[in-house]
Amino acid sequence: MAKFEAKFWGTKEKRGQLAKEVEIVEATTRGEVESKLYARGWLKINGLKVREAKNEPSTDNNMD
């Protein structure tokens, strides 16, 4: 399975405020990402953008 980065506006509540979200999802194809997000409990998903996730986490937070 490949890892995908999903960026979207969403909420887990029926009448909740939409917020910008970023989730890492393991799926076999890009098309499967949305169904995996709904399975995780997201009720509303708007403006979904899917990209392949980077292999290494970013460590650019060092402010020397």
PDB file of N, CA and C in Angstrom:
ATOM      1  N   MET A   1       0.840  -1.191   0.000  1.00  0.00           N
ATOM      2  CA  MET A   1       0.000   0.000   0.000  1.00  0.00           C
ATOM      3  C   MET A   1       0.881   1.249   0.000  1.00  0.00           C
ATOM      4  N   ALA A   2       0.427   2.249  -0.700  1.00  0.00           N
ATOM      5  CA  ALA A   2       1.140   3.520  -0.746  1.00  0.00           C
ATOM      6  C   ALA A   2       0.539   4.484   0.266  1.00  0.00           C
ATOM      7  N   LYS A   3       1.338   5.451   0.691  1.00  0.00           N
ATOM      8  CA  LYS A   3       0.839   6.480   1.601  1.00  0.00           C
ATOM      9  C   LYS A   3       0.535   7.735   0.801  1.00  0.00           C
ATOM     10  N   PHE A   4      -0.622   8.314   1.069  1.00  0.00           N
ATOM     11  CA  PHE A   4      -1.048   9.529   0.398  1.00  0.00           C
ATOM     12  C   PHE A   4      -1.327  10.614   1.422  1.00  0.00           C
ATOM     13  N   GLU A   5      -1.047  11.861   1.038  1.00  0.00           N
ATOM     14  CA  GLU A   5      -1.361  13.018   1.867  1.00  0.00           C
ATOM     15  C   GLU A   5      -2.643  13.634   1.318  1.00  0.00           C
ATOM     16  N   ALA A   6      -3.671  13.703   2.146  1.00  0.00           N
ATOM     17  CA  ALA A   6      -4.963  14.256   1.740  1.00  0.00           C
ATOM     18  C   ALA A   6      -5.166  15.609   2.421  1.00  0.00           C
ATOM     19  N   LYS A   7      -5.365  16.662   1.611  1.00  0.00           N
ATOM     20  CA  LYS A   7      -5.659  17.996   2.140  1.00  0.00           C
ATOM     21  C   LYS A   7      -7.095  18.317   1.752  1.00  0.00           C
ATOM     22  N   PHE A   8      -7.869  18.802   2.727  1.00  0.00           N
ATOM     23  CA  PHE A   8      -9.268  19.084   2.458  1.00  0.00           C
ATOM     24  C   PHE A   8      -9.861  19.950   3.556  1.00  0.00           C
ATOM     25  N   TRP A   9     -11.044  20.479   3.291  1.00  0.00           N
ATOM     26  CA  TRP A   9     -11.854  21.166   4.296  1.00  0.00           C
ATOM     27  C   TRP A   9     -12.873  20.144   4.769  1.00  0.00           C
ATOM     28  N   GLY A  10     -12.950  19.906   6.072  1.00  0.00           N
ATOM     29  CA  GLY A  10     -13.870  18.886   6.535  1.00  0.00           C
ATOM     30  C   GLY A  10     -14.269  19.028   7.985  1.00  0.00           C
ATOM     31  N   THR A  11     -15.241  18.196   8.372  1.00  0.00           N
ATOM     32  CA  THR A  11     -15.704  18.139   9.748  1.00  0.00           C
ATOM     33  C   THR A  11     -16.159  16.716  10.058  1.00  0.00           C
ATOM     34  N   LYS A  12     -16.065  16.351  11.340  1.00  0.00           N
ATOM     35  CA  LYS A  12     -16.540  15.045  11.800  1.00  0.00           C
ATOM     36  C   LYS A  12     -17.894  15.169  12.497  1.00  0.00           C
ATOM     37  N   GLU A  13     -18.442  16.386  12.538  1.00  0.00           N
ATOM     38  CA  GLU A  13     -19.737  16.614  13.181  1.00  0.00           C
ATOM     39  C   GLU A  13     -20.778  16.952  12.119  1.00  0.00           C
ATOM     40  N   LYS A  14     -22.037  16.611  12.398  1.00  0.00           N
ATOM     41  CA  LYS A  14     -23.096  16.810  11.415  1.00  0.00           C
ATOM     42  C   LYS A  14     -23.258  18.275  11.023  1.00  0.00           C
ATOM     43  N   ARG A  15     -23.248  19.173  11.991  1.00  0.00           N
ATOM     44  CA  ARG A  15     -23.387  20.592  11.700  1.00  0.00           C
ATOM     45  C   ARG A  15     -22.154  21.373  12.139  1.00  0.00           C
ATOM     46  N   GLY A  16     -21.007  20.735  12.072  1.00  0.00           N
ATOM     47  CA  GLY A  16     -19.773  21.339  12.547  1.00  0.00           C
ATOM     48  C   GLY A  16     -19.187  22.338  11.568  1.00  0.00           C
ATOM     49  N   GLN A  17     -18.345  23.205  12.098  1.00  0.00           N
ATOM     50  CA  GLN A  17     -17.630  24.187  11.284  1.00  0.00           C
ATOM     51  C   GLN A  17     -16.557  23.469  10.471  1.00  0.00           C
ATOM     52  N   LEU A  18     -16.464  23.786   9.188  1.00  0.00           N
ATOM     53  CA  LEU A  18     -15.430  23.194   8.353  1.00  0.00           C
ATOM     54  C   LEU A  18     -14.071  23.780   8.720  1.00  0.00           C
ATOM     55  N   ALA A  19     -13.067  22.931   8.765  1.00  0.00           N
ATOM     56  CA  ALA A  19     -11.708  23.357   9.079  1.00  0.00           C
ATOM     57  C   ALA A  19     -10.756  22.712   8.077  1.00  0.00           C
ATOM     58  N   LYS A  20      -9.640  23.379   7.826  1.00  0.00           N
ATOM     59  CA  LYS A  20      -8.640  22.835   6.913  1.00  0.00           C
ATOM     60  C   LYS A  20      -7.935  21.671   7.600  1.00  0.00           C
ATOM     61  N   GLU A  21      -7.849  20.551   6.926  1.00  0.00           N
ATOM     62  CA  GLU A  21      -7.287  19.337   7.507  1.00  0.00           C
ATOM     63  C   GLU A  21      -6.237  18.737   6.581  1.00  0.00           C
ATOM     64  N   VAL A  22      -5.282  18.034   7.162  1.00  0.00           N
ATOM     65  CA  VAL A  22      -4.285  17.266   6.418  1.00  0.00           C
ATOM     66  C   VAL A  22      -4.172  15.914   7.099  1.00  0.00           C
ATOM     67  N   GLU A  23      -4.364  14.844   6.340  1.00  0.00           N
ATOM     68  CA  GLU A  23      -4.274  13.489   6.900  1.00  0.00           C
ATOM     69  C   GLU A  23      -3.405  12.629   6.003  1.00  0.00           C
ATOM     70  N   ILE A  24      -2.676  11.718   6.607  1.00  0.00           N
ATOM     71  CA  ILE A  24      -1.905  10.720   5.870  1.00  0.00           C
ATOM     72  C   ILE A  24      -2.745   9.444   5.840  1.00  0.00           C
ATOM     73  N   VAL A  25      -2.955   8.919   4.631  1.00  0.00           N
ATOM     74  CA  VAL A  25      -3.826   7.758   4.450  1.00  0.00           C
ATOM     75  C   VAL A  25      -3.072   6.681   3.677  1.00  0.00           C
ATOM     76  N   GLU A  26      -3.174   5.435   4.138  1.00  0.00           N
ATOM     77  CA  GLU A  26      -2.620   4.307   3.394  1.00  0.00           C
ATOM     78  C   GLU A  26      -3.715   3.735   2.517  1.00  0.00           C
ATOM     79  N   ALA A  27      -3.461   3.694   1.203  1.00  0.00           N
ATOM     80  CA  ALA A  27      -4.447   3.175   0.260  1.00  0.00           C
ATOM     81  C   ALA A  27      -3.722   2.584  -0.946  1.00  0.00           C
ATOM     82  N   THR A  28      -4.425   1.762  -1.702  1.00  0.00           N
ATOM     83  CA  THR A  28      -3.805   1.156  -2.880  1.00  0.00           C
ATOM     84  C   THR A  28      -3.823   2.121  -4.066  1.00  0.00           C
ATOM     85  N   THR A  29      -4.862   2.965  -4.174  1.00  0.00           N
ATOM     86  CA  THR A  29      -4.953   3.938  -5.258  1.00  0.00           C
ATOM     87  C   THR A  29      -5.395   5.286  -4.709  1.00  0.00           C
ATOM     88  N   ARG A  30      -5.222   6.346  -5.510  1.00  0.00           N
ATOM     89  CA  ARG A  30      -5.670   7.676  -5.108  1.00  0.00           C
ATOM     90  C   ARG A  30      -7.188   7.729  -4.940  1.00  0.00           C
ATOM     91  N   GLY A  31      -7.908   6.998  -5.772  1.00  0.00           N
ATOM     92  CA  GLY A  31      -9.367   7.001  -5.715  1.00  0.00           C
ATOM     93  C   GLY A  31      -9.931   6.406  -4.434  1.00  0.00           C
ATOM     94  N   GLU A  32      -9.161   5.601  -3.778  1.00  0.00           N
ATOM     95  CA  GLU A  32      -9.602   4.938  -2.554  1.00  0.00           C
ATOM     96  C   GLU A  32      -9.460   5.839  -1.318  1.00  0.00           C
ATOM     97  N   VAL A  33      -8.715   6.933  -1.438  1.00  0.00           N
ATOM     98  CA  VAL A  33      -8.417   7.807  -0.296  1.00  0.00           C
ATOM     99  C   VAL A  33      -9.689   8.399   0.301  1.00  0.00           C
ATOM    100  N   GLU A  34     -10.601   8.886  -0.543  1.00  0.00           N
ATOM    101  CA  GLU A  34     -11.826   9.508  -0.025  1.00  0.00           C
ATOM    102  C   GLU A  34     -12.659   8.523   0.784  1.00  0.00           C
ATOM    103  N   SER A  35     -12.805   7.304   0.312  1.00  0.00           N
ATOM    104  CA  SER A  35     -13.587   6.318   1.060  1.00  0.00           C
ATOM    105  C   SER A  35     -12.909   5.963   2.385  1.00  0.00           C
ATOM    106  N   LYS A  36     -11.580   5.960   2.418  1.00  0.00           N
ATOM    107  CA  LYS A  36     -10.859   5.699   3.673  1.00  0.00           C
ATOM    108  C   LYS A  36     -11.089   6.832   4.670  1.00  0.00           C
ATOM    109  N   LEU A  37     -11.158   8.086   4.183  1.00  0.00           N
ATOM    110  CA  LEU A  37     -11.425   9.223   5.070  1.00  0.00           C
ATOM    111  C   LEU A  37     -12.826   9.126   5.665  1.00  0.00           C
ATOM    112  N   TYR A  38     -13.817   8.764   4.841  1.00  0.00           N
ATOM    113  CA  TYR A  38     -15.178   8.584   5.370  1.00  0.00           C
ATOM    114  C   TYR A  38     -15.208   7.460   6.401  1.00  0.00           C
ATOM    115  N   ALA A  39     -14.415   6.410   6.199  1.00  0.00           N
ATOM    116  CA  ALA A  39     -14.356   5.299   7.155  1.00  0.00           C
ATOM    117  C   ALA A  39     -13.714   5.738   8.478  1.00  0.00           C
ATOM    118  N   ARG A  40     -12.866   6.771   8.440  1.00  0.00           N
ATOM    119  CA  ARG A  40     -12.243   7.302   9.660  1.00  0.00           C
ATOM    120  C   ARG A  40     -13.175   8.227  10.433  1.00  0.00           C
ATOM    121  N   GLY A  41     -14.366   8.494   9.895  1.00  0.00           N
ATOM    122  CA  GLY A  41     -15.324   9.292  10.643  1.00  0.00           C
ATOM    123  C   GLY A  41     -15.589  10.680  10.099  1.00  0.00           C
ATOM    124  N   TRP A  42     -14.968  11.058   8.986  1.00  0.00           N
ATOM    125  CA  TRP A  42     -15.229  12.369   8.399  1.00  0.00           C
ATOM    126  C   TRP A  42     -16.597  12.359   7.738  1.00  0.00           C
ATOM    127  N   LEU A  43     -17.458  13.324   8.093  1.00  0.00           N
ATOM    128  CA  LEU A  43     -18.802  13.388   7.520  1.00  0.00           C
ATOM    129  C   LEU A  43     -18.862  14.292   6.294  1.00  0.00           C
ATOM    130  N   LYS A  44     -18.089  15.363   6.304  1.00  0.00           N
ATOM    131  CA  LYS A  44     -18.060  16.290   5.166  1.00  0.00           C
ATOM    132  C   LYS A  44     -16.622  16.442   4.707  1.00  0.00           C
ATOM    133  N   ILE A  45     -16.411  16.322   3.396  1.00  0.00           N
ATOM    134  CA  ILE A  45     -15.086  16.491   2.802  1.00  0.00           C
ATOM    135  C   ILE A  45     -15.257  17.362   1.567  1.00  0.00           C
ATOM    136  N   ASN A  46     -14.645  18.542   1.582  1.00  0.00           N
ATOM    137  CA  ASN A  46     -14.729  19.459   0.453  1.00  0.00           C
ATOM    138  C   ASN A  46     -13.333  19.808  -0.039  1.00  0.00           C
ATOM    139  N   GLY A  47     -13.186  19.946  -1.352  1.00  0.00           N
ATOM    140  CA  GLY A  47     -11.915  20.378  -1.932  1.00  0.00           C
ATOM    141  C   GLY A  47     -10.772  19.411  -1.701  1.00  0.00           C
ATOM    142  N   LEU A  48     -11.031  18.128  -1.841  1.00  0.00           N
ATOM    143  CA  LEU A  48     -10.019  17.104  -1.564  1.00  0.00           C
ATOM    144  C   LEU A  48      -8.889  17.156  -2.590  1.00  0.00           C
ATOM    145  N   LYS A  49      -7.649  17.233  -2.089  1.00  0.00           N
ATOM    146  CA  LYS A  49      -6.454  17.162  -2.928  1.00  0.00           C
ATOM    147  C   LYS A  49      -5.597  16.017  -2.392  1.00  0.00           C
ATOM    148  N   VAL A  50      -5.193  15.117  -3.275  1.00  0.00           N
ATOM    149  CA  VAL A  50      -4.443  13.934  -2.862  1.00  0.00           C
ATOM    150  C   VAL A  50      -3.079  13.947  -3.538  1.00  0.00           C
ATOM    151  N   ARG A  51      -2.032  13.774  -2.733  1.00  0.00           N
ATOM    152  CA  ARG A  51      -0.659  13.673  -3.235  1.00  0.00           C
ATOM    153  C   ARG A  51       0.023  12.499  -2.573  1.00  0.00           C
ATOM    154  N   GLU A  52       1.070  11.993  -3.208  1.00  0.00           N
ATOM    155  CA  GLU A  52       1.863  10.945  -2.565  1.00  0.00           C
ATOM    156  C   GLU A  52       2.594  11.560  -1.381  1.00  0.00           C
ATOM    157  N   ALA A  53       2.580  10.882  -0.255  1.00  0.00           N
ATOM    158  CA  ALA A  53       3.226  11.386   0.959  1.00  0.00           C
ATOM    159  C   ALA A  53       4.735  11.259   0.833  1.00  0.00           C
ATOM    160  N   LYS A  54       5.443  12.201   1.445  1.00  0.00           N
ATOM    161  CA  LYS A  54       6.902  12.141   1.469  1.00  0.00           C
ATOM    162  C   LYS A  54       7.326  11.031   2.409  1.00  0.00           C
ATOM    163  N   ASN A  55       8.432  10.395   2.106  1.00  0.00           N
ATOM    164  CA  ASN A  55       8.907   9.272   2.916  1.00  0.00           C
ATOM    165  C   ASN A  55       9.431   9.706   4.273  1.00  0.00           C
ATOM    166  N   GLU A  56      10.086  10.866   4.316  1.00  0.00           N
ATOM    167  CA  GLU A  56      10.694  11.310   5.574  1.00  0.00           C
ATOM    168  C   GLU A  56       9.918  12.478   6.158  1.00  0.00           C
ATOM    169  N   PRO A  57       9.719  12.501   7.462  1.00  0.00           N
ATOM    170  CA  PRO A  57       9.062  13.665   8.081  1.00  0.00           C
ATOM    171  C   PRO A  57       9.977  14.883   8.016  1.00  0.00           C
ATOM    172  N   SER A  58       9.386  16.041   7.938  1.00  0.00           N
ATOM    173  CA  SER A  58      10.162  17.274   7.836  1.00  0.00           C
ATOM    174  C   SER A  58      10.817  17.597   9.176  1.00  0.00           C
ATOM    175  N   THR A  59      12.109  17.935   9.120  1.00  0.00           N
ATOM    176  CA  THR A  59      12.843  18.308  10.340  1.00  0.00           C
ATOM    177  C   THR A  59      13.427  19.708  10.174  1.00  0.00           C
ATOM    178  N   ASP A  60      12.725  20.577   9.459  1.00  0.00           N
ATOM    179  CA  ASP A  60      13.203  21.931   9.211  1.00  0.00           C
ATOM    180  C   ASP A  60      12.810  22.899  10.306  1.00  0.00           C
ATOM    181  N   ASN A  61      12.467  22.407  11.487  1.00  0.00           N
ATOM    182  CA  ASN A  61      12.025  23.272  12.575  1.00  0.00           C
ATOM    183  C   ASN A  61      13.186  23.799  13.405  1.00  0.00           C
ATOM    184  N   ASN A  62      14.397  23.487  13.037  1.00  0.00           N
ATOM    185  CA  ASN A  62      15.556  23.962  13.810  1.00  0.00           C
ATOM    186  C   ASN A  62      15.791  25.431  13.519  1.00  0.00           C
ATOM    187  N   MET A  63      15.621  26.264  14.549  1.00  0.00           N
ATOM    188  CA  MET A  63      15.802  27.701  14.402  1.00  0.00           C
ATOM    189  C   MET A  63      17.047  28.107  15.178  1.00  0.00           C
ATOM    190  N   ASP A  64      18.220  27.785  14.636  1.00  0.00           N
ATOM    191  CA  ASP A  64      19.484  28.101  15.337  1.00  0.00           C
ATOM    192  C   ASP A  64      19.861  29.537  15.143  1.00  0.00           C
TER     193      ASP A  64
END
